[in-house]
Amino acid sequence: MTSTVLGAEPELIDPAALRRVFRGHAAGVAIVTMPGPHGPVGFTATSVASLSADPPLLSFSVAITSSCAPALAAATGLVVHLLSDDQEELAARFATPGIDRFAEPTRWRTLPTGEPLLVDAAVWLRTRIRSRLIAGDHHLVIAEIAETRVDSAAGLLAPLVYHNGRYGTVTAGRSRT
């Protein structure tokens, strides 16, 4: 147990220590897409979280140094795609810098509202950006959910998760009494 002297400023851990801690925390994998000045833009995110039910809000973060940051700063809407365990290659593609993430074999179309939609995602949420904050070395984005789609098979699909530097999934848990 760590104790803190009242009135003393606590020391902060270094970024490498924080990364080590969160490597052991499994996170769902999503892809965030938005229109950009030269075509669609997207990235893989493990920071997507439900924020509020009323109004319906979600949040996520992206590094300030991300190649997607300029498009995110200009975007008014975006789509968050929640991935299933059979979409590891798609997640890896959208996490790879310097490639055209929307080229073949990625299947996508533009929604009537202008955002790029990955057609193979069983679950997606179209959002409007409500606020962006600089939080350390990341942009924290809060978005209002305007539309969702949950494919009828989505309940049968296992989610894609990221843990300890690798993609995986979860299996049915055991019941605790």
C-alpha atoms as a PDB file:
ATOM      1  CA  MET A   1       0.000   0.000   0.000  1.00  0.00           C
ATOM      2  CA  THR A   2       1.298   3.441  -0.921  1.00  0.00           C
ATOM      3  CA  SER A   3       0.848   6.331   1.441  1.00  0.00           C
ATOM      4  CA  THR A   4       0.778   9.985   0.499  1.00  0.00           C
ATOM      5  CA  VAL A   5       1.766  12.838   2.757  1.00  0.00           C
ATOM      6  CA  LEU A   6      -1.125  15.277   3.005  1.00  0.00           C
ATOM      7  CA  GLY A   7      -0.372  18.357   0.962  1.00  0.00           C
ATOM      8  CA  ALA A   8       2.526  16.704  -0.905  1.00  0.00           C
ATOM      9  CA  GLU A   9       2.259  16.358  -4.666  1.00  0.00           C
ATOM     10  CA  PRO A  10       2.211  12.630  -5.578  1.00  0.00           C
ATOM     11  CA  GLU A  11       4.771  11.443  -8.112  1.00  0.00           C
ATOM     12  CA  LEU A  12       3.411  10.341 -11.463  1.00  0.00           C
ATOM     13  CA  ILE A  13       4.359   7.025 -13.009  1.00  0.00           C
ATOM     14  CA  ASP A  14       6.261   7.049 -16.271  1.00  0.00           C
ATOM     15  CA  PRO A  15       4.467   6.287 -19.582  1.00  0.00           C
ATOM     16  CA  ALA A  16       6.192   2.897 -19.970  1.00  0.00           C
ATOM     17  CA  ALA A  17       4.854   1.787 -16.578  1.00  0.00           C
ATOM     18  CA  LEU A  18       1.349   2.856 -17.559  1.00  0.00           C
ATOM     19  CA  ARG A  19       1.574   0.891 -20.816  1.00  0.00           C
ATOM     20  CA  ARG A  20       2.717  -2.195 -18.874  1.00  0.00           C
ATOM     21  CA  VAL A  21      -0.258  -1.899 -16.517  1.00  0.00           C
ATOM     22  CA  PHE A  22      -2.826  -1.564 -19.297  1.00  0.00           C
ATOM     23  CA  ARG A  23      -1.325  -4.367 -21.406  1.00  0.00           C
ATOM     24  CA  GLY A  24      -2.924  -6.691 -18.871  1.00  0.00           C
ATOM     25  CA  HIS A  25      -6.348  -5.052 -19.177  1.00  0.00           C
ATOM     26  CA  ALA A  26      -8.359  -6.577 -22.036  1.00  0.00           C
ATOM     27  CA  ALA A  27     -10.185  -4.053 -24.209  1.00  0.00           C
ATOM     28  CA  GLY A  28     -12.745  -4.353 -26.965  1.00  0.00           C
ATOM     29  CA  VAL A  29     -11.519  -3.494 -30.450  1.00  0.00           C
ATOM     30  CA  ALA A  30     -13.264  -0.979 -32.694  1.00  0.00           C
ATOM     31  CA  ILE A  31     -12.529   0.884 -35.897  1.00  0.00           C
ATOM     32  CA  VAL A  32     -13.399   4.567 -36.110  1.00  0.00           C
ATOM     33  CA  THR A  33     -14.016   6.006 -39.588  1.00  0.00           C
ATOM     34  CA  MET A  34     -14.700   9.532 -40.813  1.00  0.00           C
ATOM     35  CA  PRO A  35     -14.516  11.584 -43.975  1.00  0.00           C
ATOM     36  CA  GLY A  36     -11.171  13.243 -44.603  1.00  0.00           C
ATOM     37  CA  PRO A  37      -9.992  15.999 -46.934  1.00  0.00           C
ATOM     38  CA  HIS A  38      -8.605  13.446 -49.423  1.00  0.00           C
ATOM     39  CA  GLY A  39     -10.975  10.517 -48.864  1.00  0.00           C
ATOM     40  CA  PRO A  40     -12.028   8.300 -45.980  1.00  0.00           C
ATOM     41  CA  VAL A  41      -9.909   8.078 -42.830  1.00  0.00           C
ATOM     42  CA  GLY A  42      -9.969   5.436 -40.120  1.00  0.00           C
ATOM     43  CA  PHE A  43      -8.059   3.861 -37.274  1.00  0.00           C
ATOM     44  CA  THR A  44      -8.250   0.969 -34.830  1.00  0.00           C
ATOM     45  CA  ALA A  45      -9.213   1.953 -31.281  1.00  0.00           C
ATOM     46  CA  THR A  46      -9.268   0.085 -27.991  1.00  0.00           C
ATOM     47  CA  SER A  47     -10.387   3.088 -25.970  1.00  0.00           C
ATOM     48  CA  VAL A  48     -14.055   3.213 -27.045  1.00  0.00           C
ATOM     49  CA  ALA A  49     -16.414   3.343 -24.064  1.00  0.00           C
ATOM     50  CA  SER A  50     -20.090   3.897 -23.461  1.00  0.00           C
ATOM     51  CA  LEU A  51     -20.311   7.210 -21.629  1.00  0.00           C
ATOM     52  CA  SER A  52     -23.992   8.031 -21.130  1.00  0.00           C
ATOM     53  CA  ALA A  53     -27.386   6.504 -21.927  1.00  0.00           C
ATOM     54  CA  ASP A  54     -29.326   9.780 -21.762  1.00  0.00           C
ATOM     55  CA  PRO A  55     -28.188  11.418 -23.939  1.00  0.00           C
ATOM     56  CA  PRO A  56     -26.545   8.476 -25.744  1.00  0.00           C
ATOM     57  CA  LEU A  57     -22.812   9.259 -25.701  1.00  0.00           C
ATOM     58  CA  LEU A  58     -19.592   7.370 -26.267  1.00  0.00           C
ATOM     59  CA  SER A  59     -15.970   8.370 -25.868  1.00  0.00           C
ATOM     60  CA  PHE A  60     -12.611   7.362 -27.298  1.00  0.00           C
ATOM     61  CA  SER A  61      -9.109   8.735 -27.519  1.00  0.00           C
ATOM     62  CA  VAL A  62      -6.483   8.965 -30.234  1.00  0.00           C
ATOM     63  CA  ALA A  63      -2.872  10.111 -30.059  1.00  0.00           C
ATOM     64  CA  ILE A  64      -2.209  13.712 -31.008  1.00  0.00           C
ATOM     65  CA  THR A  65       0.548  12.404 -33.295  1.00  0.00           C
ATOM     66  CA  SER A  66      -1.826  10.059 -35.168  1.00  0.00           C
ATOM     67  CA  SER A  67      -2.050  10.581 -38.917  1.00  0.00           C
ATOM     68  CA  CYS A  68      -5.842  10.648 -38.397  1.00  0.00           C
ATOM     69  CA  ALA A  69      -5.732  13.581 -35.943  1.00  0.00           C
ATOM     70  CA  PRO A  70      -6.152  16.347 -38.581  1.00  0.00           C
ATOM     71  CA  ALA A  71      -9.223  14.636 -40.091  1.00  0.00           C
ATOM     72  CA  LEU A  72     -10.630  14.084 -36.609  1.00  0.00           C
ATOM     73  CA  ALA A  73     -10.192  17.788 -35.799  1.00  0.00           C
ATOM     74  CA  ALA A  74     -12.260  18.717 -38.870  1.00  0.00           C
ATOM     75  CA  ALA A  75     -14.895  15.957 -38.700  1.00  0.00           C
ATOM     76  CA  THR A  76     -18.415  16.584 -37.457  1.00  0.00           C
ATOM     77  CA  GLY A  77     -19.507  12.946 -37.597  1.00  0.00           C
ATOM     78  CA  LEU A  78     -17.931   9.518 -37.543  1.00  0.00           C
ATOM     79  CA  VAL A  79     -18.774   5.836 -37.366  1.00  0.00           C
ATOM     80  CA  VAL A  80     -17.585   3.468 -34.645  1.00  0.00           C
ATOM     81  CA  HIS A  81     -17.526  -0.187 -35.758  1.00  0.00           C
ATOM     82  CA  LEU A  82     -17.394  -2.790 -32.970  1.00  0.00           C
ATOM     83  CA  LEU A  83     -15.429  -5.779 -34.252  1.00  0.00           C
ATOM     84  CA  SER A  84     -16.048  -9.490 -33.853  1.00  0.00           C
ATOM     85  CA  ASP A  85     -13.321 -12.083 -33.350  1.00  0.00           C
ATOM     86  CA  ASP A  86     -13.217 -12.976 -37.070  1.00  0.00           C
ATOM     87  CA  GLN A  87     -12.102  -9.421 -37.960  1.00  0.00           C
ATOM     88  CA  GLU A  88      -8.554  -9.469 -36.610  1.00  0.00           C
ATOM     89  CA  GLU A  89      -7.084  -8.801 -40.082  1.00  0.00           C
ATOM     90  CA  LEU A  90      -9.311  -5.741 -40.488  1.00  0.00           C
ATOM     91  CA  ALA A  91      -8.264  -4.427 -37.055  1.00  0.00           C
ATOM     92  CA  ALA A  92      -4.594  -4.965 -37.924  1.00  0.00           C
ATOM     93  CA  ARG A  93      -5.065  -3.216 -41.283  1.00  0.00           C
ATOM     94  CA  PHE A  94      -6.560  -0.098 -39.657  1.00  0.00           C
ATOM     95  CA  ALA A  95      -3.733  -0.104 -37.091  1.00  0.00           C
ATOM     96  CA  THR A  96      -1.027  -0.156 -39.776  1.00  0.00           C
ATOM     97  CA  PRO A  97       0.465   3.276 -40.537  1.00  0.00           C
ATOM     98  CA  GLY A  98       1.244   4.456 -44.042  1.00  0.00           C
ATOM     99  CA  ILE A  99      -1.174   2.265 -46.034  1.00  0.00           C
ATOM    100  CA  ASP A 100      -4.484   2.902 -47.767  1.00  0.00           C
ATOM    101  CA  ARG A 101      -6.715   1.258 -45.175  1.00  0.00           C
ATOM    102  CA  PHE A 102      -9.777   1.518 -47.454  1.00  0.00           C
ATOM    103  CA  ALA A 103      -8.169  -0.252 -50.444  1.00  0.00           C
ATOM    104  CA  GLU A 104      -9.023  -3.871 -51.303  1.00  0.00           C
ATOM    105  CA  PRO A 105      -9.810  -6.100 -49.476  1.00  0.00           C
ATOM    106  CA  THR A 106     -11.609  -3.561 -47.229  1.00  0.00           C
ATOM    107  CA  ARG A 107     -15.302  -3.415 -48.113  1.00  0.00           C
ATOM    108  CA  TRP A 108     -16.919  -0.049 -47.427  1.00  0.00           C
ATOM    109  CA  ARG A 109     -19.465   2.457 -48.670  1.00  0.00           C
ATOM    110  CA  THR A 110     -20.375   6.046 -47.892  1.00  0.00           C
ATOM    111  CA  LEU A 111     -23.471   6.659 -45.762  1.00  0.00           C
ATOM    112  CA  PRO A 112     -25.971   9.308 -46.967  1.00  0.00           C
ATOM    113  CA  THR A 113     -24.617  11.522 -44.152  1.00  0.00           C
ATOM    114  CA  GLY A 114     -21.074  11.318 -45.612  1.00  0.00           C
ATOM    115  CA  GLU A 115     -19.265   8.965 -43.223  1.00  0.00           C
ATOM    116  CA  PRO A 116     -17.480   5.847 -44.505  1.00  0.00           C
ATOM    117  CA  LEU A 117     -19.078   2.590 -43.301  1.00  0.00           C
ATOM    118  CA  LEU A 118     -17.282  -0.752 -43.127  1.00  0.00           C
ATOM    119  CA  VAL A 119     -19.965  -3.054 -44.531  1.00  0.00           C
ATOM    120  CA  ASP A 120     -18.668  -6.197 -42.819  1.00  0.00           C
ATOM    121  CA  ALA A 121     -19.073  -4.824 -39.287  1.00  0.00           C
ATOM    122  CA  ALA A 122     -22.008  -6.500 -37.535  1.00  0.00           C
ATOM    123  CA  VAL A 123     -22.338  -3.596 -35.097  1.00  0.00           C
ATOM    124  CA  TRP A 124     -21.828   0.092 -35.858  1.00  0.00           C
ATOM    125  CA  LEU A 125     -22.767   3.432 -34.360  1.00  0.00           C
ATOM    126  CA  ARG A 126     -23.016   6.647 -36.397  1.00  0.00           C
ATOM    127  CA  THR A 127     -22.203   9.624 -34.218  1.00  0.00           C
ATOM    128  CA  ARG A 128     -21.954  13.395 -34.127  1.00  0.00           C
ATOM    129  CA  ILE A 129     -18.933  14.811 -32.329  1.00  0.00           C
ATOM    130  CA  ARG A 130     -19.986  16.840 -29.283  1.00  0.00           C
ATOM    131  CA  SER A 131     -16.568  17.763 -27.894  1.00  0.00           C
ATOM    132  CA  ARG A 132     -12.846  17.243 -28.278  1.00  0.00           C
ATOM    133  CA  LEU A 133     -10.373  17.776 -25.467  1.00  0.00           C
ATOM    134  CA  ILE A 134      -6.607  17.617 -25.319  1.00  0.00           C
ATOM    135  CA  ALA A 135      -5.819  15.146 -22.541  1.00  0.00           C
ATOM    136  CA  GLY A 136      -2.079  14.684 -22.160  1.00  0.00           C
ATOM    137  CA  ASP A 137      -0.733  13.292 -25.431  1.00  0.00           C
ATOM    138  CA  HIS A 138      -4.199  12.323 -26.732  1.00  0.00           C
ATOM    139  CA  HIS A 139      -7.397  13.825 -28.091  1.00  0.00           C
ATOM    140  CA  LEU A 140     -10.384  12.725 -26.005  1.00  0.00           C
ATOM    141  CA  VAL A 141     -13.522  12.707 -28.142  1.00  0.00           C
ATOM    142  CA  ILE A 142     -17.106  12.646 -26.873  1.00  0.00           C
ATOM    143  CA  ALA A 143     -19.689  11.793 -29.510  1.00  0.00           C
ATOM    144  CA  GLU A 144     -23.482  11.600 -29.488  1.00  0.00           C
ATOM    145  CA  ILE A 145     -24.916   8.424 -31.007  1.00  0.00           C
ATOM    146  CA  ALA A 146     -27.367   9.282 -33.787  1.00  0.00           C
ATOM    147  CA  GLU A 147     -27.899   5.853 -35.374  1.00  0.00           C
ATOM    148  CA  THR A 148     -26.951   2.242 -34.702  1.00  0.00           C
ATOM    149  CA  ARG A 149     -27.094  -1.036 -36.508  1.00  0.00           C
ATOM    150  CA  VAL A 150     -26.799  -4.415 -34.880  1.00  0.00           C
ATOM    151  CA  ASP A 151     -26.827  -7.290 -37.352  1.00  0.00           C
ATOM    152  CA  SER A 152     -29.140 -10.122 -36.304  1.00  0.00           C
ATOM    153  CA  ALA A 153     -26.123 -12.447 -36.074  1.00  0.00           C
ATOM    154  CA  ALA A 154     -24.195 -10.050 -33.812  1.00  0.00           C
ATOM    155  CA  GLY A 155     -25.437 -11.748 -30.657  1.00  0.00           C
ATOM    156  CA  LEU A 156     -23.860 -14.987 -31.849  1.00  0.00           C
ATOM    157  CA  LEU A 157     -20.466 -13.422 -32.575  1.00  0.00           C
ATOM    158  CA  ALA A 158     -17.665 -13.263 -30.035  1.00  0.00           C
ATOM    159  CA  PRO A 159     -16.060  -9.835 -29.652  1.00  0.00           C
ATOM    160  CA  LEU A 160     -12.522  -9.060 -30.752  1.00  0.00           C
ATOM    161  CA  VAL A 161     -10.402  -7.999 -27.785  1.00  0.00           C
ATOM    162  CA  TYR A 162      -6.858  -6.737 -27.395  1.00  0.00           C
ATOM    163  CA  HIS A 163      -4.785  -8.033 -24.492  1.00  0.00           C
ATOM    164  CA  ASN A 164      -1.076  -8.167 -23.790  1.00  0.00           C
ATOM    165  CA  GLY A 165      -0.165  -6.944 -27.279  1.00  0.00           C
ATOM    166  CA  ARG A 166      -2.314  -9.512 -29.115  1.00  0.00           C
ATOM    167  CA  TYR A 167      -5.801  -9.876 -30.503  1.00  0.00           C
ATOM    168  CA  GLY A 168      -8.072 -12.537 -29.055  1.00  0.00           C
ATOM    169  CA  THR A 169     -11.607 -13.097 -27.872  1.00  0.00           C
ATOM    170  CA  VAL A 170     -13.536 -14.125 -24.810  1.00  0.00           C
ATOM    171  CA  THR A 171     -15.406 -17.332 -24.191  1.00  0.00           C
ATOM    172  CA  ALA A 172     -18.540 -17.803 -22.181  1.00  0.00           C
ATOM    173  CA  GLY A 173     -17.702 -17.116 -18.567  1.00  0.00           C
ATOM    174  CA  ARG A 174     -18.533 -19.362 -15.704  1.00  0.00           C
ATOM    175  CA  SER A 175     -21.381 -18.562 -13.397  1.00  0.00           C
ATOM    176  CA  ARG A 176     -20.499 -17.294  -9.926  1.00  0.00           C
ATOM    177  CA  THR A 177     -22.851 -17.756  -7.033  1.00  0.00           C
END
